[in-house]
Amino acid sequence: MAKTGSELVRMNSTGKTKAGEKTGFFYTTRIGKAFKQLGKKLRFKRFDPRAFNEQTGKLGMHVWFEQGKIK
């Protein structure tokens, strides 16, 4: 098996629950060696089923996910 230049990272949700706490929801994804060398943090919008949407009063909405370390 060949060595890959990619690394697993954890994408943590910035969404909040009804009580105002972080949801704790996350995705895992891979980033390439070239992106890692740039020194930037990955950030994208995805669906968080635990995030509370104040406009509709329901759970589940699209929120920003920010790069973190895998524990």
C-alpha atoms as a PDB file:
ATOM      1  CA  MET A   1       0.000   0.000   0.000  1.00  0.00           C
ATOM      2  CA  ALA A   2       1.388   3.389  -0.986  1.00  0.00           C
ATOM      3  CA  LYS A   3       1.916   6.186   1.490  1.00  0.00           C
ATOM      4  CA  THR A   4      -0.473   9.075   1.082  1.00  0.00           C
ATOM      5  CA  GLY A   5       0.289  12.690   1.833  1.00  0.00           C
ATOM      6  CA  SER A   6      -3.115  13.245   3.375  1.00  0.00           C
ATOM      7  CA  GLU A   7      -4.116  13.507   7.008  1.00  0.00           C
ATOM      8  CA  LEU A   8      -7.411  12.931   8.801  1.00  0.00           C
ATOM      9  CA  VAL A   9      -8.917  15.984  10.495  1.00  0.00           C
ATOM     10  CA  ARG A  10     -12.028  16.488  12.578  1.00  0.00           C
ATOM     11  CA  MET A  11     -14.515  19.147  11.482  1.00  0.00           C
ATOM     12  CA  ASN A  12     -16.307  20.497  14.572  1.00  0.00           C
ATOM     13  CA  SER A  13     -19.737  22.102  14.340  1.00  0.00           C
ATOM     14  CA  THR A  14     -20.255  25.712  15.415  1.00  0.00           C
ATOM     15  CA  GLY A  15     -24.006  25.074  15.865  1.00  0.00           C
ATOM     16  CA  LYS A  16     -25.777  25.603  19.175  1.00  0.00           C
ATOM     17  CA  THR A  17     -28.454  23.607  20.981  1.00  0.00           C
ATOM     18  CA  LYS A  18     -31.641  25.122  22.360  1.00  0.00           C
ATOM     19  CA  ALA A  19     -29.823  25.698  25.684  1.00  0.00           C
ATOM     20  CA  GLY A  20     -27.025  27.605  23.889  1.00  0.00           C
ATOM     21  CA  GLU A  21     -24.337  24.921  24.229  1.00  0.00           C
ATOM     22  CA  LYS A  22     -22.245  23.502  21.383  1.00  0.00           C
ATOM     23  CA  THR A  23     -23.812  20.455  19.737  1.00  0.00           C
ATOM     24  CA  GLY A  24     -20.679  18.300  19.720  1.00  0.00           C
ATOM     25  CA  PHE A  25     -21.462  17.060  16.203  1.00  0.00           C
ATOM     26  CA  PHE A  26     -18.502  16.491  13.868  1.00  0.00           C
ATOM     27  CA  TYR A  27     -17.437  15.118  10.499  1.00  0.00           C
ATOM     28  CA  THR A  28     -14.042  13.648   9.620  1.00  0.00           C
ATOM     29  CA  THR A  29     -12.321  14.432   6.361  1.00  0.00           C
ATOM     30  CA  ARG A  30      -8.881  14.273   4.780  1.00  0.00           C
ATOM     31  CA  ILE A  31      -6.702  17.219   3.858  1.00  0.00           C
ATOM     32  CA  GLY A  32      -3.799  17.004   1.473  1.00  0.00           C
ATOM     33  CA  LYS A  33      -0.168  17.687   2.189  1.00  0.00           C
ATOM     34  CA  ALA A  34      -0.159  20.846   0.049  1.00  0.00           C
ATOM     35  CA  PHE A  35      -3.106  22.396   1.933  1.00  0.00           C
ATOM     36  CA  LYS A  36      -1.491  21.587   5.274  1.00  0.00           C
ATOM     37  CA  GLN A  37       1.678  23.440   4.269  1.00  0.00           C
ATOM     38  CA  LEU A  38      -0.319  26.630   3.617  1.00  0.00           C
ATOM     39  CA  GLY A  39      -1.002  26.906   7.336  1.00  0.00           C
ATOM     40  CA  LYS A  40      -4.698  27.680   6.858  1.00  0.00           C
ATOM     41  CA  LYS A  41      -7.588  26.047   8.693  1.00  0.00           C
ATOM     42  CA  LEU A  42     -10.312  24.312   6.721  1.00  0.00           C
ATOM     43  CA  ARG A  43     -13.859  25.703   7.132  1.00  0.00           C
ATOM     44  CA  PHE A  44     -17.061  24.752   5.323  1.00  0.00           C
ATOM     45  CA  LYS A  45     -20.822  24.695   5.728  1.00  0.00           C
ATOM     46  CA  ARG A  46     -22.586  21.385   6.299  1.00  0.00           C
ATOM     47  CA  PHE A  47     -25.780  20.076   7.857  1.00  0.00           C
ATOM     48  CA  ASP A  48     -25.856  19.599  11.645  1.00  0.00           C
ATOM     49  CA  PRO A  49     -28.900  17.543  12.761  1.00  0.00           C
ATOM     50  CA  ARG A  50     -28.467  18.632  16.409  1.00  0.00           C
ATOM     51  CA  ALA A  51     -28.311  22.408  15.836  1.00  0.00           C
ATOM     52  CA  PHE A  52     -31.376  24.390  16.899  1.00  0.00           C
ATOM     53  CA  ASN A  53     -32.842  26.688  14.268  1.00  0.00           C
ATOM     54  CA  GLU A  54     -34.367  29.730  16.016  1.00  0.00           C
ATOM     55  CA  GLN A  55     -36.325  30.839  12.927  1.00  0.00           C
ATOM     56  CA  THR A  56     -38.271  27.594  12.546  1.00  0.00           C
ATOM     57  CA  GLY A  57     -38.055  26.314  16.132  1.00  0.00           C
ATOM     58  CA  LYS A  58     -36.825  22.915  14.930  1.00  0.00           C
ATOM     59  CA  LEU A  59     -33.631  20.909  15.131  1.00  0.00           C
ATOM     60  CA  GLY A  60     -31.323  20.633  12.124  1.00  0.00           C
ATOM     61  CA  MET A  61     -29.730  23.360  10.045  1.00  0.00           C
ATOM     62  CA  HIS A  62     -26.657  24.185   7.980  1.00  0.00           C
ATOM     63  CA  VAL A  63     -23.825  25.630  10.078  1.00  0.00           C
ATOM     64  CA  TRP A  64     -20.088  26.276   9.727  1.00  0.00           C
ATOM     65  CA  PHE A  65     -17.715  23.449  10.556  1.00  0.00           C
ATOM     66  CA  GLU A  66     -14.166  24.357  11.588  1.00  0.00           C
ATOM     67  CA  GLN A  67     -11.053  22.220  11.541  1.00  0.00           C
ATOM     68  CA  GLY A  68      -9.908  20.661  14.815  1.00  0.00           C
ATOM     69  CA  LYS A  69      -7.686  17.880  16.043  1.00  0.00           C
ATOM     70  CA  ILE A  70      -8.779  14.262  16.272  1.00  0.00           C
ATOM     71  CA  LYS A  71      -8.725  13.323  19.944  1.00  0.00           C
END
